Amino acid sequence: MPIITTYPFKKAPLNEKDEIIISDSQSSSPNLKTKTTNIDALSKIINLKSTFVFSQSVPSATWTVIHDLNKFPSVTVVNSHKEEVIGDLKYNTTNQLTLTFSAPFSGQAYIN
């Protein structure tokens, strides 16, 4: 089980530059045993891994999105003018979804 702590130990509040030590004592990989980072770097990785932006460059009324987030994420769609668009959302799997709209258009889906 991973252990996450600060060095030196600090209860709270933490700031973005506090050093964090992450250790997985059960890992058989020497590369995963102990890592040092800070909250700022860790939050950037978490945000990067938990958000996906899908771009539909060719107008279409059906968008099939493979996001690989391994969850049923929230979805916000905007057209090429950055106006929010409402459509039907179907979760095909935890890594794929289909968006269906009443008319074809291009834009982006923000998935997190």
PDB file of N, CA and C in Angstrom:
ATOM      1  N   MET A   1       0.839  -1.175   0.000  1.00  0.00           N
ATOM      2  CA  MET A   1       0.000   0.000   0.000  1.00  0.00           C
ATOM      3  C   MET A   1       0.888   1.242   0.000  1.00  0.00           C
ATOM      4  N   PRO A   2       0.592   2.220  -0.856  1.00  0.00           N
ATOM      5  CA  PRO A   2       1.404   3.439  -0.902  1.00  0.00           C
ATOM      6  C   PRO A   2       1.290   4.250   0.378  1.00  0.00           C
ATOM      7  N   ILE A   3       2.380   4.880   0.723  1.00  0.00           N
ATOM      8  CA  ILE A   3       2.424   5.783   1.869  1.00  0.00           C
ATOM      9  C   ILE A   3       2.838   7.141   1.335  1.00  0.00           C
ATOM     10  N   ILE A   4       2.067   8.169   1.692  1.00  0.00           N
ATOM     11  CA  ILE A   4       2.373   9.528   1.242  1.00  0.00           C
ATOM     12  C   ILE A   4       2.516  10.404   2.474  1.00  0.00           C
ATOM     13  N   THR A   5       3.623  11.130   2.569  1.00  0.00           N
ATOM     14  CA  THR A   5       3.855  12.008   3.711  1.00  0.00           C
ATOM     15  C   THR A   5       4.709  13.193   3.264  1.00  0.00           C
ATOM     16  N   THR A   6       4.814  14.181   4.122  1.00  0.00           N
ATOM     17  CA  THR A   6       5.674  15.330   3.832  1.00  0.00           C
ATOM     18  C   THR A   6       6.988  15.164   4.583  1.00  0.00           C
ATOM     19  N   TYR A   7       7.998  15.893   4.136  1.00  0.00           N
ATOM     20  CA  TYR A   7       9.267  15.894   4.851  1.00  0.00           C
ATOM     21  C   TYR A   7       9.758  17.318   4.978  1.00  0.00           C
ATOM     22  N   PRO A   8      10.034  17.780   6.162  1.00  0.00           N
ATOM     23  CA  PRO A   8       9.714  17.122   7.422  1.00  0.00           C
ATOM     24  C   PRO A   8       8.207  17.016   7.592  1.00  0.00           C
ATOM     25  N   PHE A   9       7.773  16.116   8.464  1.00  0.00           N
ATOM     26  CA  PHE A   9       6.345  15.861   8.651  1.00  0.00           C
ATOM     27  C   PHE A   9       5.615  17.151   8.994  1.00  0.00           C
ATOM     28  N   LYS A  10       4.513  17.387   8.304  1.00  0.00           N
ATOM     29  CA  LYS A  10       3.720  18.596   8.502  1.00  0.00           C
ATOM     30  C   LYS A  10       2.257  18.199   8.463  1.00  0.00           C
ATOM     31  N   LYS A  11       1.489  18.560   9.479  1.00  0.00           N
ATOM     32  CA  LYS A  11       0.076  18.175   9.511  1.00  0.00           C
ATOM     33  C   LYS A  11      -0.737  18.963   8.492  1.00  0.00           C
ATOM     34  N   ALA A  12      -0.777  20.260   8.607  1.00  0.00           N
ATOM     35  CA  ALA A  12      -1.550  21.082   7.678  1.00  0.00           C
ATOM     36  C   ALA A  12      -1.353  22.533   8.065  1.00  0.00           C
ATOM     37  N   PRO A  13      -1.650  23.474   7.246  1.00  0.00           N
ATOM     38  CA  PRO A  13      -1.962  23.326   5.825  1.00  0.00           C
ATOM     39  C   PRO A  13      -0.674  23.152   5.024  1.00  0.00           C
ATOM     40  N   LEU A  14      -0.780  22.438   3.948  1.00  0.00           N
ATOM     41  CA  LEU A  14       0.351  22.254   3.052  1.00  0.00           C
ATOM     42  C   LEU A  14       0.323  23.340   1.980  1.00  0.00           C
ATOM     43  N   ASN A  15       1.488  23.694   1.462  1.00  0.00           N
ATOM     44  CA  ASN A  15       1.515  24.622   0.331  1.00  0.00           C
ATOM     45  C   ASN A  15       2.103  23.914  -0.874  1.00  0.00           C
ATOM     46  N   GLU A  16       2.056  24.565  -2.034  1.00  0.00           N
ATOM     47  CA  GLU A  16       2.422  23.907  -3.299  1.00  0.00           C
ATOM     48  C   GLU A  16       3.889  23.518  -3.392  1.00  0.00           C
ATOM     49  N   LYS A  17       4.741  24.078  -2.564  1.00  0.00           N
ATOM     50  CA  LYS A  17       6.173  23.751  -2.629  1.00  0.00           C
ATOM     51  C   LYS A  17       6.620  22.768  -1.547  1.00  0.00           C
ATOM     52  N   ASP A  18       5.712  22.346  -0.663  1.00  0.00           N
ATOM     53  CA  ASP A  18       6.082  21.358   0.356  1.00  0.00           C
ATOM     54  C   ASP A  18       6.530  20.072  -0.313  1.00  0.00           C
ATOM     55  N   GLU A  19       7.622  19.507   0.198  1.00  0.00           N
ATOM     56  CA  GLU A  19       8.152  18.266  -0.365  1.00  0.00           C
ATOM     57  C   GLU A  19       7.320  17.082   0.136  1.00  0.00           C
ATOM     58  N   ILE A  20       6.991  16.189  -0.788  1.00  0.00           N
ATOM     59  CA  ILE A  20       6.187  15.009  -0.471  1.00  0.00           C
ATOM     60  C   ILE A  20       6.986  13.777  -0.841  1.00  0.00           C
ATOM     61  N   ILE A  21       6.955  12.796   0.049  1.00  0.00           N
ATOM     62  CA  ILE A  21       7.620  11.522  -0.213  1.00  0.00           C
ATOM     63  C   ILE A  21       6.528  10.473  -0.421  1.00  0.00           C
ATOM     64  N   ILE A  22       6.617   9.757  -1.532  1.00  0.00           N
ATOM     65  CA  ILE A  22       5.659   8.699  -1.861  1.00  0.00           C
ATOM     66  C   ILE A  22       6.432   7.391  -1.870  1.00  0.00           C
ATOM     67  N   SER A  23       5.943   6.426  -1.092  1.00  0.00           N
ATOM     68  CA  SER A  23       6.630   5.143  -0.989  1.00  0.00           C
ATOM     69  C   SER A  23       5.627   4.013  -1.129  1.00  0.00           C
ATOM     70  N   ASP A  24       6.002   2.992  -1.884  1.00  0.00           N
ATOM     71  CA  ASP A  24       5.165   1.803  -2.023  1.00  0.00           C
ATOM     72  C   ASP A  24       5.994   0.607  -1.565  1.00  0.00           C
ATOM     73  N   SER A  25       5.891   0.276  -0.314  1.00  0.00           N
ATOM     74  CA  SER A  25       6.721  -0.776   0.269  1.00  0.00           C
ATOM     75  C   SER A  25       6.394  -2.159  -0.266  1.00  0.00           C
ATOM     76  N   GLN A  26       5.228  -2.334  -0.879  1.00  0.00           N
ATOM     77  CA  GLN A  26       4.845  -3.640  -1.407  1.00  0.00           C
ATOM     78  C   GLN A  26       5.224  -3.828  -2.871  1.00  0.00           C
ATOM     79  N   SER A  27       5.717  -2.803  -3.490  1.00  0.00           N
ATOM     80  CA  SER A  27       6.081  -2.896  -4.900  1.00  0.00           C
ATOM     81  C   SER A  27       7.347  -3.731  -5.068  1.00  0.00           C
ATOM     82  N   SER A  28       7.365  -4.560  -6.088  1.00  0.00           N
ATOM     83  CA  SER A  28       8.568  -5.347  -6.376  1.00  0.00           C
ATOM     84  C   SER A  28       9.522  -4.586  -7.303  1.00  0.00           C
ATOM     85  N   SER A  29       9.067  -3.470  -7.840  1.00  0.00           N
ATOM     86  CA  SER A  29       9.908  -2.676  -8.744  1.00  0.00           C
ATOM     87  C   SER A  29      10.734  -1.667  -7.949  1.00  0.00           C
ATOM     88  N   PRO A  30      12.050  -1.667  -8.115  1.00  0.00           N
ATOM     89  CA  PRO A  30      12.869  -0.682  -7.404  1.00  0.00           C
ATOM     90  C   PRO A  30      12.581   0.753  -7.843  1.00  0.00           C
ATOM     91  N   ASN A  31      12.040   0.921  -9.054  1.00  0.00           N
ATOM     92  CA  ASN A  31      11.705   2.268  -9.541  1.00  0.00           C
ATOM     93  C   ASN A  31      10.487   2.857  -8.840  1.00  0.00           C
ATOM     94  N   LEU A  32       9.675   2.023  -8.195  1.00  0.00           N
ATOM     95  CA  LEU A  32       8.458   2.507  -7.549  1.00  0.00           C
ATOM     96  C   LEU A  32       8.575   2.560  -6.036  1.00  0.00           C
ATOM     97  N   LYS A  33       9.717   2.203  -5.486  1.00  0.00           N
ATOM     98  CA  LYS A  33       9.865   2.146  -4.030  1.00  0.00           C
ATOM     99  C   LYS A  33       9.639   3.502  -3.367  1.00  0.00           C
ATOM    100  N   THR A  34      10.411   4.516  -3.731  1.00  0.00           N
ATOM    101  CA  THR A  34      10.287   5.824  -3.088  1.00  0.00           C
ATOM    102  C   THR A  34      10.507   6.926  -4.124  1.00  0.00           C
ATOM    103  N   LYS A  35       9.627   7.906  -4.106  1.00  0.00           N
ATOM    104  CA  LYS A  35       9.734   9.072  -4.986  1.00  0.00           C
ATOM    105  C   LYS A  35       9.562  10.329  -4.135  1.00  0.00           C
ATOM    106  N   THR A  36      10.183  11.400  -4.544  1.00  0.00           N
ATOM    107  CA  THR A  36      10.022  12.690  -3.882  1.00  0.00           C
ATOM    108  C   THR A  36       9.450  13.669  -4.898  1.00  0.00           C
ATOM    109  N   THR A  37       8.462  14.451  -4.477  1.00  0.00           N
ATOM    110  CA  THR A  37       7.840  15.439  -5.360  1.00  0.00           C
ATOM    111  C   THR A  37       7.306  16.576  -4.493  1.00  0.00           C
ATOM    112  N   ASN A  38       6.503  17.457  -5.080  1.00  0.00           N
ATOM    113  CA  ASN A  38       5.826  18.487  -4.292  1.00  0.00           C
ATOM    114  C   ASN A  38       4.366  18.546  -4.737  1.00  0.00           C
ATOM    115  N   ILE A  39       3.549  19.239  -3.976  1.00  0.00           N
ATOM    116  CA  ILE A  39       2.113  19.285  -4.242  1.00  0.00           C
ATOM    117  C   ILE A  39       1.824  19.887  -5.613  1.00  0.00           C
ATOM    118  N   ASP A  40       2.570  20.908  -5.979  1.00  0.00           N
ATOM    119  CA  ASP A  40       2.360  21.559  -7.270  1.00  0.00           C
ATOM    120  C   ASP A  40       2.549  20.567  -8.419  1.00  0.00           C
ATOM    121  N   ALA A  41       3.640  19.831  -8.417  1.00  0.00           N
ATOM    122  CA  ALA A  41       3.903  18.847  -9.478  1.00  0.00           C
ATOM    123  C   ALA A  41       2.888  17.714  -9.441  1.00  0.00           C
ATOM    124  N   LEU A  42       2.551  17.252  -8.232  1.00  0.00           N
ATOM    125  CA  LEU A  42       1.593  16.161  -8.091  1.00  0.00           C
ATOM    126  C   LEU A  42       0.210  16.569  -8.591  1.00  0.00           C
ATOM    127  N   SER A  43      -0.231  17.780  -8.285  1.00  0.00           N
ATOM    128  CA  SER A  43      -1.552  18.229  -8.743  1.00  0.00           C
ATOM    129  C   SER A  43      -1.601  18.382 -10.256  1.00  0.00           C
ATOM    130  N   LYS A  44      -0.493  18.803 -10.882  1.00  0.00           N
ATOM    131  CA  LYS A  44      -0.445  18.910 -12.343  1.00  0.00           C
ATOM    132  C   LYS A  44      -0.585  17.540 -12.992  1.00  0.00           C
ATOM    133  N   ILE A  45       0.062  16.531 -12.414  1.00  0.00           N
ATOM    134  CA  ILE A  45      -0.043  15.177 -12.945  1.00  0.00           C
ATOM    135  C   ILE A  45      -1.457  14.649 -12.780  1.00  0.00           C
ATOM    136  N   ILE A  46      -2.044  14.873 -11.615  1.00  0.00           N
ATOM    137  CA  ILE A  46      -3.415  14.408 -11.363  1.00  0.00           C
ATOM    138  C   ILE A  46      -4.385  15.070 -12.327  1.00  0.00           C
ATOM    139  N   ASN A  47      -4.268  16.376 -12.516  1.00  0.00           N
ATOM    140  CA  ASN A  47      -5.150  17.076 -13.451  1.00  0.00           C
ATOM    141  C   ASN A  47      -4.945  16.605 -14.878  1.00  0.00           C
ATOM    142  N   LEU A  48      -3.712  16.381 -15.275  1.00  0.00           N
ATOM    143  CA  LEU A  48      -3.413  15.909 -16.629  1.00  0.00           C
ATOM    144  C   LEU A  48      -4.010  14.529 -16.861  1.00  0.00           C
ATOM    145  N   LYS A  49      -3.908  13.663 -15.867  1.00  0.00           N
ATOM    146  CA  LYS A  49      -4.390  12.286 -16.004  1.00  0.00           C
ATOM    147  C   LYS A  49      -5.909  12.191 -15.883  1.00  0.00           C
ATOM    148  N   SER A  50      -6.567  13.200 -15.321  1.00  0.00           N
ATOM    149  CA  SER A  50      -8.005  13.097 -15.095  1.00  0.00           C
ATOM    150  C   SER A  50      -8.835  13.922 -16.075  1.00  0.00           C
ATOM    151  N   THR A  51      -8.202  14.561 -17.048  1.00  0.00           N
ATOM    152  CA  THR A  51      -8.915  15.389 -18.022  1.00  0.00           C
ATOM    153  C   THR A  51      -8.498  14.996 -19.439  1.00  0.00           C
ATOM    154  N   PHE A  52      -9.484  14.999 -20.325  1.00  0.00           N
ATOM    155  CA  PHE A  52      -9.222  14.691 -21.727  1.00  0.00           C
ATOM    156  C   PHE A  52     -10.015  15.680 -22.573  1.00  0.00           C
ATOM    157  N   VAL A  53      -9.388  16.259 -23.575  1.00  0.00           N
ATOM    158  CA  VAL A  53     -10.078  17.164 -24.498  1.00  0.00           C
ATOM    159  C   VAL A  53     -10.137  16.479 -25.854  1.00  0.00           C
ATOM    160  N   PHE A  54     -11.367  16.284 -26.344  1.00  0.00           N
ATOM    161  CA  PHE A  54     -11.601  15.661 -27.642  1.00  0.00           C
ATOM    162  C   PHE A  54     -11.954  16.749 -28.640  1.00  0.00           C
ATOM    163  N   SER A  55     -11.298  16.767 -29.784  1.00  0.00           N
ATOM    164  CA  SER A  55     -11.597  17.745 -30.840  1.00  0.00           C
ATOM    165  C   SER A  55     -12.245  17.033 -32.023  1.00  0.00           C
ATOM    166  N   GLN A  56     -13.423  17.535 -32.420  1.00  0.00           N
ATOM    167  CA  GLN A  56     -14.133  17.030 -33.595  1.00  0.00           C
ATOM    168  C   GLN A  56     -13.971  18.091 -34.675  1.00  0.00           C
ATOM    169  N   SER A  57     -13.016  17.861 -35.582  1.00  0.00           N
ATOM    170  CA  SER A  57     -12.702  18.888 -36.588  1.00  0.00           C
ATOM    171  C   SER A  57     -13.644  18.855 -37.786  1.00  0.00           C
ATOM    172  N   VAL A  58     -14.210  17.699 -38.103  1.00  0.00           N
ATOM    173  CA  VAL A  58     -15.155  17.567 -39.215  1.00  0.00           C
ATOM    174  C   VAL A  58     -16.569  17.569 -38.633  1.00  0.00           C
ATOM    175  N   PRO A  59     -17.470  18.447 -39.121  1.00  0.00           N
ATOM    176  CA  PRO A  59     -18.821  18.468 -38.569  1.00  0.00           C
ATOM    177  C   PRO A  59     -19.481  17.091 -38.603  1.00  0.00           C
ATOM    178  N   SER A  60     -20.056  16.712 -37.463  1.00  0.00           N
ATOM    179  CA  SER A  60     -20.722  15.420 -37.348  1.00  0.00           C
ATOM    180  C   SER A  60     -21.808  15.518 -36.285  1.00  0.00           C
ATOM    181  N   ALA A  61     -22.893  14.761 -36.473  1.00  0.00           N
ATOM    182  CA  ALA A  61     -23.962  14.710 -35.478  1.00  0.00           C
ATOM    183  C   ALA A  61     -23.708  13.620 -34.440  1.00  0.00           C
ATOM    184  N   THR A  62     -22.744  12.741 -34.700  1.00  0.00           N
ATOM    185  CA  THR A  62     -22.376  11.682 -33.755  1.00  0.00           C
ATOM    186  C   THR A  62     -20.870  11.708 -33.549  1.00  0.00           C
ATOM    187  N   TRP A  63     -20.470  11.830 -32.287  1.00  0.00           N
ATOM    188  CA  TRP A  63     -19.057  11.820 -31.927  1.00  0.00           C
ATOM    189  C   TRP A  63     -18.792  10.586 -31.077  1.00  0.00           C
ATOM    190  N   THR A  64     -17.834   9.779 -31.472  1.00  0.00           N
ATOM    191  CA  THR A  64     -17.404   8.649 -30.653  1.00  0.00           C
ATOM    192  C   THR A  64     -16.055   9.021 -30.054  1.00  0.00           C
ATOM    193  N   VAL A  65     -15.980   8.996 -28.730  1.00  0.00           N
ATOM    194  CA  VAL A  65     -14.805   9.483 -28.017  1.00  0.00           C
ATOM    195  C   VAL A  65     -14.172   8.349 -27.213  1.00  0.00           C
ATOM    196  N   ILE A  66     -12.907   8.082 -27.459  1.00  0.00           N
ATOM    197  CA  ILE A  66     -12.133   7.148 -26.631  1.00  0.00           C
ATOM    198  C   ILE A  66     -11.235   8.012 -25.755  1.00  0.00           C
ATOM    199  N   HIS A  67     -11.492   8.005 -24.450  1.00  0.00           N
ATOM    200  CA  HIS A  67     -10.782   8.906 -23.539  1.00  0.00           C
ATOM    201  C   HIS A  67      -9.786   8.200 -22.619  1.00  0.00           C
ATOM    202  N   ASP A  68      -9.895   6.907 -22.420  1.00  0.00           N
ATOM    203  CA  ASP A  68      -8.977   6.113 -21.585  1.00  0.00           C
ATOM    204  C   ASP A  68      -8.819   6.643 -20.158  1.00  0.00           C
ATOM    205  N   LEU A  69      -9.885   7.204 -19.584  1.00  0.00           N
ATOM    206  CA  LEU A  69      -9.833   7.670 -18.198  1.00  0.00           C
ATOM    207  C   LEU A  69     -10.290   6.597 -17.210  1.00  0.00           C
ATOM    208  N   ASN A  70     -10.781   5.483 -17.725  1.00  0.00           N
ATOM    209  CA  ASN A  70     -11.217   4.346 -16.905  1.00  0.00           C
ATOM    210  C   ASN A  70     -12.282   4.748 -15.876  1.00  0.00           C
ATOM    211  N   LYS A  71     -13.260   5.554 -16.337  1.00  0.00           N
ATOM    212  CA  LYS A  71     -14.372   5.979 -15.485  1.00  0.00           C
ATOM    213  C   LYS A  71     -15.493   6.510 -16.375  1.00  0.00           C
ATOM    214  N   PHE A  72     -16.637   6.794 -15.783  1.00  0.00           N
ATOM    215  CA  PHE A  72     -17.752   7.429 -16.480  1.00  0.00           C
ATOM    216  C   PHE A  72     -17.662   8.924 -16.174  1.00  0.00           C
ATOM    217  N   PRO A  73     -16.966   9.691 -17.021  1.00  0.00           N
ATOM    218  CA  PRO A  73     -16.652  11.081 -16.710  1.00  0.00           C
ATOM    219  C   PRO A  73     -17.796  12.051 -17.007  1.00  0.00           C
ATOM    220  N   SER A  74     -17.647  13.254 -16.464  1.00  0.00           N
ATOM    221  CA  SER A  74     -18.553  14.341 -16.844  1.00  0.00           C
ATOM    222  C   SER A  74     -18.074  14.890 -18.192  1.00  0.00           C
ATOM    223  N   VAL A  75     -19.007  15.426 -18.967  1.00  0.00           N
ATOM    224  CA  VAL A  75     -18.690  15.877 -20.320  1.00  0.00           C
ATOM    225  C   VAL A  75     -19.325  17.248 -20.564  1.00  0.00           C
ATOM    226  N   THR A  76     -18.552  18.169 -21.096  1.00  0.00           N
ATOM    227  CA  THR A  76     -19.054  19.465 -21.542  1.00  0.00           C
ATOM    228  C   THR A  76     -18.642  19.633 -23.000  1.00  0.00           C
ATOM    229  N   VAL A  77     -19.606  19.979 -23.850  1.00  0.00           N
ATOM    230  CA  VAL A  77     -19.352  20.123 -25.288  1.00  0.00           C
ATOM    231  C   VAL A  77     -19.534  21.575 -25.693  1.00  0.00           C
ATOM    232  N   VAL A  78     -18.602  22.063 -26.520  1.00  0.00           N
ATOM    233  CA  VAL A  78     -18.731  23.401 -27.093  1.00  0.00           C
ATOM    234  C   VAL A  78     -18.545  23.311 -28.602  1.00  0.00           C
ATOM    235  N   ASN A  79     -19.214  24.209 -29.311  1.00  0.00           N
ATOM    236  CA  ASN A  79     -19.041  24.249 -30.764  1.00  0.00           C
ATOM    237  C   ASN A  79     -17.803  25.075 -31.107  1.00  0.00           C
ATOM    238  N   SER A  80     -17.559  25.279 -32.388  1.00  0.00           N
ATOM    239  CA  SER A  80     -16.355  25.991 -32.815  1.00  0.00           C
ATOM    240  C   SER A  80     -16.346  27.466 -32.387  1.00  0.00           C
ATOM    241  N   HIS A  81     -17.511  27.981 -31.951  1.00  0.00           N
ATOM    242  CA  HIS A  81     -17.603  29.358 -31.449  1.00  0.00           C
ATOM    243  C   HIS A  81     -17.527  29.403 -29.930  1.00  0.00           C
ATOM    244  N   LYS A  82     -17.192  28.239 -29.304  1.00  0.00           N
ATOM    245  CA  LYS A  82     -17.069  28.095 -27.844  1.00  0.00           C
ATOM    246  C   LYS A  82     -18.402  28.275 -27.123  1.00  0.00           C
ATOM    247  N   GLU A  83     -19.513  27.972 -27.823  1.00  0.00           N
ATOM    248  CA  GLU A  83     -20.838  27.991 -27.201  1.00  0.00           C
ATOM    249  C   GLU A  83     -21.168  26.571 -26.751  1.00  0.00           C
ATOM    250  N   GLU A  84     -21.683  26.435 -25.526  1.00  0.00           N
ATOM    251  CA  GLU A  84     -22.014  25.105 -25.004  1.00  0.00           C
ATOM    252  C   GLU A  84     -23.159  24.487 -25.796  1.00  0.00           C
ATOM    253  N   VAL A  85     -23.036  23.205 -26.088  1.00  0.00           N
ATOM    254  CA  VAL A  85     -24.029  22.471 -26.867  1.00  0.00           C
ATOM    255  C   VAL A  85     -24.500  21.280 -26.037  1.00  0.00           C
ATOM    256  N   ILE A  86     -25.806  21.037 -26.071  1.00  0.00           N
ATOM    257  CA  ILE A  86     -26.398  19.908 -25.341  1.00  0.00           C
ATOM    258  C   ILE A  86     -26.734  18.802 -26.332  1.00  0.00           C
ATOM    259  N   GLY A  87     -26.404  17.584 -25.959  1.00  0.00           N
ATOM    260  CA  GLY A  87     -26.712  16.425 -26.794  1.00  0.00           C
ATOM    261  C   GLY A  87     -26.984  15.222 -25.917  1.00  0.00           C
ATOM    262  N   ASP A  88     -27.162  14.068 -26.535  1.00  0.00           N
ATOM    263  CA  ASP A  88     -27.364  12.827 -25.800  1.00  0.00           C
ATOM    264  C   ASP A  88     -26.015  12.171 -25.570  1.00  0.00           C
ATOM    265  N   LEU A  89     -25.803  11.685 -24.354  1.00  0.00           N
ATOM    266  CA  LEU A  89     -24.552  11.050 -23.966  1.00  0.00           C
ATOM    267  C   LEU A  89     -24.805   9.591 -23.641  1.00  0.00           C
ATOM    268  N   LYS A  90     -24.022   8.710 -24.247  1.00  0.00           N
ATOM    269  CA  LYS A  90     -24.106   7.285 -23.946  1.00  0.00           C
ATOM    270  C   LYS A  90     -22.707   6.807 -23.569  1.00  0.00           C
ATOM    271  N   TYR A  91     -22.599   6.183 -22.382  1.00  0.00           N
ATOM    272  CA  TYR A  91     -21.333   5.595 -21.960  1.00  0.00           C
ATOM    273  C   TYR A  91     -21.261   4.188 -22.533  1.00  0.00           C
ATOM    274  N   ASN A  92     -20.374   3.955 -23.483  1.00  0.00           N
ATOM    275  CA  ASN A  92     -20.209   2.626 -24.078  1.00  0.00           C
ATOM    276  C   ASN A  92     -19.421   1.713 -23.148  1.00  0.00           C
ATOM    277  N   THR A  93     -18.339   2.239 -22.592  1.00  0.00           N
ATOM    278  CA  THR A  93     -17.502   1.547 -21.611  1.00  0.00           C
ATOM    279  C   THR A  93     -16.941   2.610 -20.679  1.00  0.00           C
ATOM    280  N   THR A  94     -16.091   2.220 -19.746  1.00  0.00           N
ATOM    281  CA  THR A  94     -15.442   3.213 -18.881  1.00  0.00           C
ATOM    282  C   THR A  94     -14.371   4.001 -19.621  1.00  0.00           C
ATOM    283  N   ASN A  95     -14.083   3.638 -20.861  1.00  0.00           N
ATOM    284  CA  ASN A  95     -13.071   4.338 -21.653  1.00  0.00           C
ATOM    285  C   ASN A  95     -13.581   4.905 -22.974  1.00  0.00           C
ATOM    286  N   GLN A  96     -14.881   4.719 -23.251  1.00  0.00           N
ATOM    287  CA  GLN A  96     -15.439   5.211 -24.517  1.00  0.00           C
ATOM    288  C   GLN A  96     -16.857   5.715 -24.296  1.00  0.00           C
ATOM    289  N   LEU A  97     -17.195   6.787 -24.990  1.00  0.00           N
ATOM    290  CA  LEU A  97     -18.560   7.327 -24.941  1.00  0.00           C
ATOM    291  C   LEU A  97     -18.966   7.816 -26.324  1.00  0.00           C
ATOM    292  N   THR A  98     -20.276   7.940 -26.521  1.00  0.00           N
ATOM    293  CA  THR A  98     -20.815   8.450 -27.776  1.00  0.00           C
ATOM    294  C   THR A  98     -21.707   9.644 -27.474  1.00  0.00           C
ATOM    295  N   LEU A  99     -21.496  10.730 -28.199  1.00  0.00           N
ATOM    296  CA  LEU A  99     -22.320  11.930 -28.108  1.00  0.00           C
ATOM    297  C   LEU A  99     -23.135  12.042 -29.382  1.00  0.00           C
ATOM    298  N   THR A 100     -24.440  12.279 -29.248  1.00  0.00           N
ATOM    299  CA  THR A 100     -25.325  12.409 -30.404  1.00  0.00           C
ATOM    300  C   THR A 100     -26.040  13.758 -30.331  1.00  0.00           C
ATOM    301  N   PHE A 101     -26.020  14.477 -31.444  1.00  0.00           N
ATOM    302  CA  PHE A 101     -26.610  15.819 -31.512  1.00  0.00           C
ATOM    303  C   PHE A 101     -27.668  15.874 -32.603  1.00  0.00           C
ATOM    304  N   SER A 102     -28.508  16.902 -32.579  1.00  0.00           N
ATOM    305  CA  SER A 102     -29.595  17.030 -33.560  1.00  0.00           C
ATOM    306  C   SER A 102     -29.097  17.496 -34.928  1.00  0.00           C
ATOM    307  N   ALA A 103     -27.909  18.067 -34.975  1.00  0.00           N
ATOM    308  CA  ALA A 103     -27.347  18.540 -36.250  1.00  0.00           C
ATOM    309  C   ALA A 103     -25.819  18.398 -36.195  1.00  0.00           C
ATOM    310  N   PRO A 104     -25.191  18.231 -37.347  1.00  0.00           N
ATOM    311  CA  PRO A 104     -23.734  18.108 -37.347  1.00  0.00           C
ATOM    312  C   PRO A 104     -23.043  19.445 -37.069  1.00  0.00           C
ATOM    313  N   PHE A 105     -21.961  19.405 -36.335  1.00  0.00           N
ATOM    314  CA  PHE A 105     -21.125  20.573 -36.094  1.00  0.00           C
ATOM    315  C   PHE A 105     -19.754  20.084 -35.628  1.00  0.00           C
ATOM    316  N   SER A 106     -18.797  20.987 -35.616  1.00  0.00           N
ATOM    317  CA  SER A 106     -17.456  20.669 -35.092  1.00  0.00           C
ATOM    318  C   SER A 106     -17.263  21.423 -33.805  1.00  0.00           C
ATOM    319  N   GLY A 107     -16.344  20.932 -32.972  1.00  0.00           N
ATOM    320  CA  GLY A 107     -16.084  21.572 -31.692  1.00  0.00           C
ATOM    321  C   GLY A 107     -15.229  20.702 -30.810  1.00  0.00           C
ATOM    322  N   GLN A 108     -15.402  20.865 -29.506  1.00  0.00           N
ATOM    323  CA  GLN A 108     -14.603  20.112 -28.548  1.00  0.00           C
ATOM    324  C   GLN A 108     -15.490  19.570 -27.431  1.00  0.00           C
ATOM    325  N   ALA A 109     -15.060  18.431 -26.890  1.00  0.00           N
ATOM    326  CA  ALA A 109     -15.682  17.855 -25.709  1.00  0.00           C
ATOM    327  C   ALA A 109     -14.628  17.840 -24.610  1.00  0.00           C
ATOM    328  N   TYR A 110     -14.958  18.471 -23.491  1.00  0.00           N
ATOM    329  CA  TYR A 110     -14.068  18.502 -22.322  1.00  0.00           C
ATOM    330  C   TYR A 110     -14.547  17.400 -21.382  1.00  0.00           C
ATOM    331  N   ILE A 111     -13.682  16.430 -21.139  1.00  0.00           N
ATOM    332  CA  ILE A 111     -14.063  15.215 -20.439  1.00  0.00           C
ATOM    333  C   ILE A 111     -13.204  15.089 -19.188  1.00  0.00           C
ATOM    334  N   ASN A 112     -13.869  14.998 -18.017  1.00  0.00           N
ATOM    335  CA  ASN A 112     -13.102  14.808 -16.774  1.00  0.00           C
ATOM    336  C   ASN A 112     -13.902  14.073 -15.712  1.00  0.00           C
TER     337      ASN A 112
END
